[in-house]
Amino acid sequence: MRSLSILYAFLGGALVGCAGALLFAPEKGTDLRNRIKEMLKKKGIDFSDDEVERLVRQISAQIEN
């Protein structure tokens, strides 16, 4: 059980780190959102523009805290 929580912590940190790298990359916001949508579609997840916008706001809020 302990190793599972360590794995979740690692994956959560990796996700936040990747999101931070994407958000702070020198790229236009619209290009970045399109790239996020393309990456999610490759994984079989289909997001609308509003859902991607909401996801970006959530990640931005977590990074700012």
PDB file of N, CA and C in Angstrom:
ATOM      1  N   MET A   1       0.829  -1.191   0.000  1.00  0.00           N
ATOM      2  CA  MET A   1       0.000   0.000   0.000  1.00  0.00           C
ATOM      3  C   MET A   1       0.874   1.255   0.000  1.00  0.00           C
ATOM      4  N   ARG A   2       1.986   1.207   0.758  1.00  0.00           N
ATOM      5  CA  ARG A   2       2.868   2.360   0.836  1.00  0.00           C
ATOM      6  C   ARG A   2       3.518   2.646  -0.512  1.00  0.00           C
ATOM      7  N   SER A   3       3.911   1.598  -1.211  1.00  0.00           N
ATOM      8  CA  SER A   3       4.559   1.805  -2.507  1.00  0.00           C
ATOM      9  C   SER A   3       3.574   2.382  -3.523  1.00  0.00           C
ATOM     10  N   LEU A   4       2.305   2.043  -3.381  1.00  0.00           N
ATOM     11  CA  LEU A   4       1.286   2.592  -4.275  1.00  0.00           C
ATOM     12  C   LEU A   4       1.117   4.090  -4.040  1.00  0.00           C
ATOM     13  N   SER A   5       1.138   4.529  -2.791  1.00  0.00           N
ATOM     14  CA  SER A   5       1.004   5.967  -2.514  1.00  0.00           C
ATOM     15  C   SER A   5       2.245   6.725  -2.984  1.00  0.00           C
ATOM     16  N   ILE A   6       3.414   6.109  -2.909  1.00  0.00           N
ATOM     17  CA  ILE A   6       4.629   6.740  -3.418  1.00  0.00           C
ATOM     18  C   ILE A   6       4.533   6.886  -4.931  1.00  0.00           C
ATOM     19  N   LEU A   7       4.010   5.876  -5.588  1.00  0.00           N
ATOM     20  CA  LEU A   7       3.837   5.928  -7.039  1.00  0.00           C
ATOM     21  C   LEU A   7       2.868   7.044  -7.423  1.00  0.00           C
ATOM     22  N   TYR A   8       1.753   7.164  -6.702  1.00  0.00           N
ATOM     23  CA  TYR A   8       0.794   8.228  -6.977  1.00  0.00           C
ATOM     24  C   TYR A   8       1.423   9.606  -6.753  1.00  0.00           C
ATOM     25  N   ALA A   9       2.196   9.752  -5.714  1.00  0.00           N
ATOM     26  CA  ALA A   9       2.864  11.022  -5.443  1.00  0.00           C
ATOM     27  C   ALA A   9       3.840  11.360  -6.569  1.00  0.00           C
ATOM     28  N   PHE A  10       4.582  10.376  -7.031  1.00  0.00           N
ATOM     29  CA  PHE A  10       5.528  10.587  -8.121  1.00  0.00           C
ATOM     30  C   PHE A  10       4.801  10.991  -9.398  1.00  0.00           C
ATOM     31  N   LEU A  11       3.730  10.274  -9.734  1.00  0.00           N
ATOM     32  CA  LEU A  11       2.977  10.577 -10.944  1.00  0.00           C
ATOM     33  C   LEU A  11       2.317  11.954 -10.862  1.00  0.00           C
ATOM     34  N   GLY A  12       1.808  12.295  -9.695  1.00  0.00           N
ATOM     35  CA  GLY A  12       1.208  13.620  -9.513  1.00  0.00           C
ATOM     36  C   GLY A  12       2.240  14.724  -9.686  1.00  0.00           C
ATOM     37  N   GLY A  13       3.412  14.536  -9.108  1.00  0.00           N
ATOM     38  CA  GLY A  13       4.488  15.515  -9.262  1.00  0.00           C
ATOM     39  C   GLY A  13       4.947  15.634 -10.701  1.00  0.00           C
ATOM     40  N   ALA A  14       5.033  14.500 -11.379  1.00  0.00           N
ATOM     41  CA  ALA A  14       5.439  14.514 -12.786  1.00  0.00           C
ATOM     42  C   ALA A  14       4.406  15.249 -13.630  1.00  0.00           C
ATOM     43  N   LEU A  15       3.135  15.033 -13.353  1.00  0.00           N
ATOM     44  CA  LEU A  15       2.066  15.703 -14.091  1.00  0.00           C
ATOM     45  C   LEU A  15       2.125  17.210 -13.883  1.00  0.00           C
ATOM     46  N   VAL A  16       2.292  17.649 -12.656  1.00  0.00           N
ATOM     47  CA  VAL A  16       2.375  19.083 -12.372  1.00  0.00           C
ATOM     48  C   VAL A  16       3.626  19.677 -13.013  1.00  0.00           C
ATOM     49  N   GLY A  17       4.735  18.944 -12.968  1.00  0.00           N
ATOM     50  CA  GLY A  17       5.965  19.420 -13.595  1.00  0.00           C
ATOM     51  C   GLY A  17       5.827  19.570 -15.102  1.00  0.00           C
ATOM     52  N   CYS A  18       5.212  18.596 -15.725  1.00  0.00           N
ATOM     53  CA  CYS A  18       4.988  18.678 -17.176  1.00  0.00           C
ATOM     54  C   CYS A  18       4.046  19.824 -17.521  1.00  0.00           C
ATOM     55  N   ALA A  19       3.015  19.981 -16.739  1.00  0.00           N
ATOM     56  CA  ALA A  19       2.067  21.067 -16.987  1.00  0.00           C
ATOM     57  C   ALA A  19       2.761  22.417 -16.822  1.00  0.00           C
ATOM     58  N   GLY A  20       3.594  22.546 -15.814  1.00  0.00           N
ATOM     59  CA  GLY A  20       4.330  23.789 -15.616  1.00  0.00           C
ATOM     60  C   GLY A  20       5.261  24.077 -16.773  1.00  0.00           C
ATOM     61  N   ALA A  21       5.945  23.060 -17.243  1.00  0.00           N
ATOM     62  CA  ALA A  21       6.844  23.245 -18.381  1.00  0.00           C
ATOM     63  C   ALA A  21       6.070  23.688 -19.617  1.00  0.00           C
ATOM     64  N   LEU A  22       4.916  23.104 -19.826  1.00  0.00           N
ATOM     65  CA  LEU A  22       4.094  23.502 -20.975  1.00  0.00           C
ATOM     66  C   LEU A  22       3.578  24.930 -20.834  1.00  0.00           C
ATOM     67  N   LEU A  23       3.154  25.282 -19.627  1.00  0.00           N
ATOM     68  CA  LEU A  23       2.565  26.599 -19.428  1.00  0.00           C
ATOM     69  C   LEU A  23       3.602  27.716 -19.499  1.00  0.00           C
ATOM     70  N   PHE A  24       4.837  27.424 -19.133  1.00  0.00           N
ATOM     71  CA  PHE A  24       5.868  28.457 -19.141  1.00  0.00           C
ATOM     72  C   PHE A  24       6.729  28.423 -20.398  1.00  0.00           C
ATOM     73  N   ALA A  25       6.397  27.571 -21.318  1.00  0.00           N
ATOM     74  CA  ALA A  25       7.132  27.506 -22.581  1.00  0.00           C
ATOM     75  C   ALA A  25       6.829  28.762 -23.402  1.00  0.00           C
ATOM     76  N   PRO A  26       7.804  29.234 -24.154  1.00  0.00           N
ATOM     77  CA  PRO A  26       7.580  30.442 -24.950  1.00  0.00           C
ATOM     78  C   PRO A  26       6.749  30.151 -26.199  1.00  0.00           C
ATOM     79  N   GLU A  27       5.469  29.989 -25.976  1.00  0.00           N
ATOM     80  CA  GLU A  27       4.559  29.631 -27.061  1.00  0.00           C
ATOM     81  C   GLU A  27       3.244  30.364 -26.835  1.00  0.00           C
ATOM     82  N   LYS A  28       2.551  30.692 -27.910  1.00  0.00           N
ATOM     83  CA  LYS A  28       1.253  31.346 -27.775  1.00  0.00           C
ATOM     84  C   LYS A  28       0.287  30.437 -27.022  1.00  0.00           C
ATOM     85  N   GLY A  29      -0.628  31.050 -26.289  1.00  0.00           N
ATOM     86  CA  GLY A  29      -1.612  30.285 -25.537  1.00  0.00           C
ATOM     87  C   GLY A  29      -2.489  29.409 -26.409  1.00  0.00           C
ATOM     88  N   THR A  30      -2.891  29.936 -27.555  1.00  0.00           N
ATOM     89  CA  THR A  30      -3.757  29.149 -28.439  1.00  0.00           C
ATOM     90  C   THR A  30      -2.999  27.956 -29.016  1.00  0.00           C
ATOM     91  N   ASP A  31      -1.730  28.164 -29.348  1.00  0.00           N
ATOM     92  CA  ASP A  31      -0.922  27.049 -29.853  1.00  0.00           C
ATOM     93  C   ASP A  31      -0.740  25.982 -28.783  1.00  0.00           C
ATOM     94  N   LEU A  32      -0.522  26.442 -27.548  1.00  0.00           N
ATOM     95  CA  LEU A  32      -0.342  25.512 -26.444  1.00  0.00           C
ATOM     96  C   LEU A  32      -1.616  24.711 -26.189  1.00  0.00           C
ATOM     97  N   ARG A  33      -2.745  25.371 -26.210  1.00  0.00           N
ATOM     98  CA  ARG A  33      -4.021  24.670 -25.985  1.00  0.00           C
ATOM     99  C   ARG A  33      -4.287  23.645 -27.089  1.00  0.00           C
ATOM    100  N   ASN A  34      -3.971  24.014 -28.315  1.00  0.00           N
ATOM    101  CA  ASN A  34      -4.127  23.055 -29.413  1.00  0.00           C
ATOM    102  C   ASN A  34      -3.199  21.865 -29.234  1.00  0.00           C
ATOM    103  N   ARG A  35      -1.986  22.127 -28.775  1.00  0.00           N
ATOM    104  CA  ARG A  35      -1.039  21.035 -28.533  1.00  0.00           C
ATOM    105  C   ARG A  35      -1.532  20.109 -27.417  1.00  0.00           C
ATOM    106  N   ILE A  36      -2.095  20.709 -26.368  1.00  0.00           N
ATOM    107  CA  ILE A  36      -2.648  19.904 -25.273  1.00  0.00           C
ATOM    108  C   ILE A  36      -3.787  19.035 -25.794  1.00  0.00           C
ATOM    109  N   LYS A  37      -4.690  19.625 -26.599  1.00  0.00           N
ATOM    110  CA  LYS A  37      -5.808  18.861 -27.150  1.00  0.00           C
ATOM    111  C   LYS A  37      -5.320  17.716 -28.024  1.00  0.00           C
ATOM    112  N   GLU A  38      -4.302  17.961 -28.842  1.00  0.00           N
ATOM    113  CA  GLU A  38      -3.761  16.915 -29.704  1.00  0.00           C
ATOM    114  C   GLU A  38      -3.158  15.784 -28.884  1.00  0.00           C
ATOM    115  N   MET A  39      -2.417  16.147 -27.822  1.00  0.00           N
ATOM    116  CA  MET A  39      -1.808  15.126 -26.969  1.00  0.00           C
ATOM    117  C   MET A  39      -2.879  14.276 -26.297  1.00  0.00           C
ATOM    118  N   LEU A  40      -3.950  14.921 -25.825  1.00  0.00           N
ATOM    119  CA  LEU A  40      -5.028  14.186 -25.169  1.00  0.00           C
ATOM    120  C   LEU A  40      -5.767  13.294 -26.160  1.00  0.00           C
ATOM    121  N   LYS A  41      -5.974  13.776 -27.387  1.00  0.00           N
ATOM    122  CA  LYS A  41      -6.651  12.962 -28.401  1.00  0.00           C
ATOM    123  C   LYS A  41      -5.846  11.718 -28.739  1.00  0.00           C
ATOM    124  N   LYS A  42      -4.511  11.845 -28.756  1.00  0.00           N
ATOM    125  CA  LYS A  42      -3.655  10.682 -29.015  1.00  0.00           C
ATOM    126  C   LYS A  42      -3.820   9.630 -27.923  1.00  0.00           C
ATOM    127  N   LYS A  43      -4.142  10.094 -26.705  1.00  0.00           N
ATOM    128  CA  LYS A  43      -4.355   9.178 -25.585  1.00  0.00           C
ATOM    129  C   LYS A  43      -5.791   8.670 -25.526  1.00  0.00           C
ATOM    130  N   GLY A  44      -6.629   9.125 -26.464  1.00  0.00           N
ATOM    131  CA  GLY A  44      -8.014   8.660 -26.498  1.00  0.00           C
ATOM    132  C   GLY A  44      -8.965   9.496 -25.668  1.00  0.00           C
ATOM    133  N   ILE A  45      -8.529  10.693 -25.266  1.00  0.00           N
ATOM    134  CA  ILE A  45      -9.360  11.582 -24.457  1.00  0.00           C
ATOM    135  C   ILE A  45      -9.769  12.751 -25.335  1.00  0.00           C
ATOM    136  N   ASP A  46     -11.068  12.961 -25.488  1.00  0.00           N
ATOM    137  CA  ASP A  46     -11.555  14.047 -26.328  1.00  0.00           C
ATOM    138  C   ASP A  46     -12.100  15.168 -25.451  1.00  0.00           C
ATOM    139  N   PHE A  47     -11.461  16.329 -25.499  1.00  0.00           N
ATOM    140  CA  PHE A  47     -11.843  17.494 -24.712  1.00  0.00           C
ATOM    141  C   PHE A  47     -12.391  18.566 -25.631  1.00  0.00           C
ATOM    142  N   SER A  48     -13.386  19.300 -25.152  1.00  0.00           N
ATOM    143  CA  SER A  48     -13.862  20.469 -25.881  1.00  0.00           C
ATOM    144  C   SER A  48     -12.951  21.649 -25.554  1.00  0.00           C
ATOM    145  N   ASP A  49     -13.095  22.730 -26.289  1.00  0.00           N
ATOM    146  CA  ASP A  49     -12.287  23.921 -26.030  1.00  0.00           C
ATOM    147  C   ASP A  49     -12.509  24.443 -24.617  1.00  0.00           C
ATOM    148  N   ASP A  50     -13.754  24.415 -24.158  1.00  0.00           N
ATOM    149  CA  ASP A  50     -14.065  24.892 -22.806  1.00  0.00           C
ATOM    150  C   ASP A  50     -13.401  24.020 -21.750  1.00  0.00           C
ATOM    151  N   GLU A  51     -13.389  22.721 -21.964  1.00  0.00           N
ATOM    152  CA  GLU A  51     -12.773  21.813 -21.003  1.00  0.00           C
ATOM    153  C   GLU A  51     -11.259  22.001 -20.962  1.00  0.00           C
ATOM    154  N   VAL A  52     -10.641  22.239 -22.099  1.00  0.00           N
ATOM    155  CA  VAL A  52      -9.201  22.502 -22.118  1.00  0.00           C
ATOM    156  C   VAL A  52      -8.909  23.807 -21.393  1.00  0.00           C
ATOM    157  N   GLU A  53      -9.725  24.814 -21.622  1.00  0.00           N
ATOM    158  CA  GLU A  53      -9.544  26.101 -20.943  1.00  0.00           C
ATOM    159  C   GLU A  53      -9.659  25.930 -19.431  1.00  0.00           C
ATOM    160  N   ARG A  54     -10.637  25.161 -18.986  1.00  0.00           N
ATOM    161  CA  ARG A  54     -10.826  24.903 -17.559  1.00  0.00           C
ATOM    162  C   ARG A  54      -9.617  24.150 -16.987  1.00  0.00           C
ATOM    163  N   LEU A  55      -9.109  23.183 -17.727  1.00  0.00           N
ATOM    164  CA  LEU A  55      -7.936  22.424 -17.297  1.00  0.00           C
ATOM    165  C   LEU A  55      -6.718  23.332 -17.169  1.00  0.00           C
ATOM    166  N   VAL A  56      -6.503  24.207 -18.135  1.00  0.00           N
ATOM    167  CA  VAL A  56      -5.367  25.128 -18.091  1.00  0.00           C
ATOM    168  C   VAL A  56      -5.492  26.068 -16.893  1.00  0.00           C
ATOM    169  N   ARG A  57      -6.691  26.561 -16.618  1.00  0.00           N
ATOM    170  CA  ARG A  57      -6.886  27.438 -15.453  1.00  0.00           C
ATOM    171  C   ARG A  57      -6.602  26.702 -14.151  1.00  0.00           C
ATOM    172  N   GLN A  58      -7.029  25.444 -14.049  1.00  0.00           N
ATOM    173  CA  GLN A  58      -6.777  24.669 -12.835  1.00  0.00           C
ATOM    174  C   GLN A  58      -5.288  24.449 -12.636  1.00  0.00           C
ATOM    175  N   ILE A  59      -4.593  24.105 -13.683  1.00  0.00           N
ATOM    176  CA  ILE A  59      -3.153  23.871 -13.582  1.00  0.00           C
ATOM    177  C   ILE A  59      -2.438  25.162 -13.235  1.00  0.00           C
ATOM    178  N   SER A  60      -2.842  26.261 -13.853  1.00  0.00           N
ATOM    179  CA  SER A  60      -2.226  27.566 -13.566  1.00  0.00           C
ATOM    180  C   SER A  60      -2.428  27.945 -12.114  1.00  0.00           C
ATOM    181  N   ALA A  61      -3.621  27.700 -11.583  1.00  0.00           N
ATOM    182  CA  ALA A  61      -3.902  28.026 -10.190  1.00  0.00           C
ATOM    183  C   ALA A  61      -3.049  27.195  -9.247  1.00  0.00           C
ATOM    184  N   GLN A  62      -2.844  25.920  -9.572  1.00  0.00           N
ATOM    185  CA  GLN A  62      -2.012  25.064  -8.731  1.00  0.00           C
ATOM    186  C   GLN A  62      -0.553  25.511  -8.764  1.00  0.00           C
ATOM    187  N   ILE A  63      -0.088  25.955  -9.916  1.00  0.00           N
ATOM    188  CA  ILE A  63       1.296  26.393 -10.026  1.00  0.00           C
ATOM    189  C   ILE A  63       1.516  27.687  -9.276  1.00  0.00           C
ATOM    190  N   GLU A  64       0.549  28.588  -9.308  1.00  0.00           N
ATOM    191  CA  GLU A  64       0.683  29.866  -8.633  1.00  0.00           C
ATOM    192  C   GLU A  64       0.680  29.723  -7.118  1.00  0.00           C
ATOM    193  N   ASN A  65       0.078  28.669  -6.592  1.00  0.00           N
ATOM    194  CA  ASN A  65       0.028  28.470  -5.139  1.00  0.00           C
ATOM    195  C   ASN A  65       1.292  27.915  -4.678  1.00  0.00           C
TER     196      ASN A  65
END
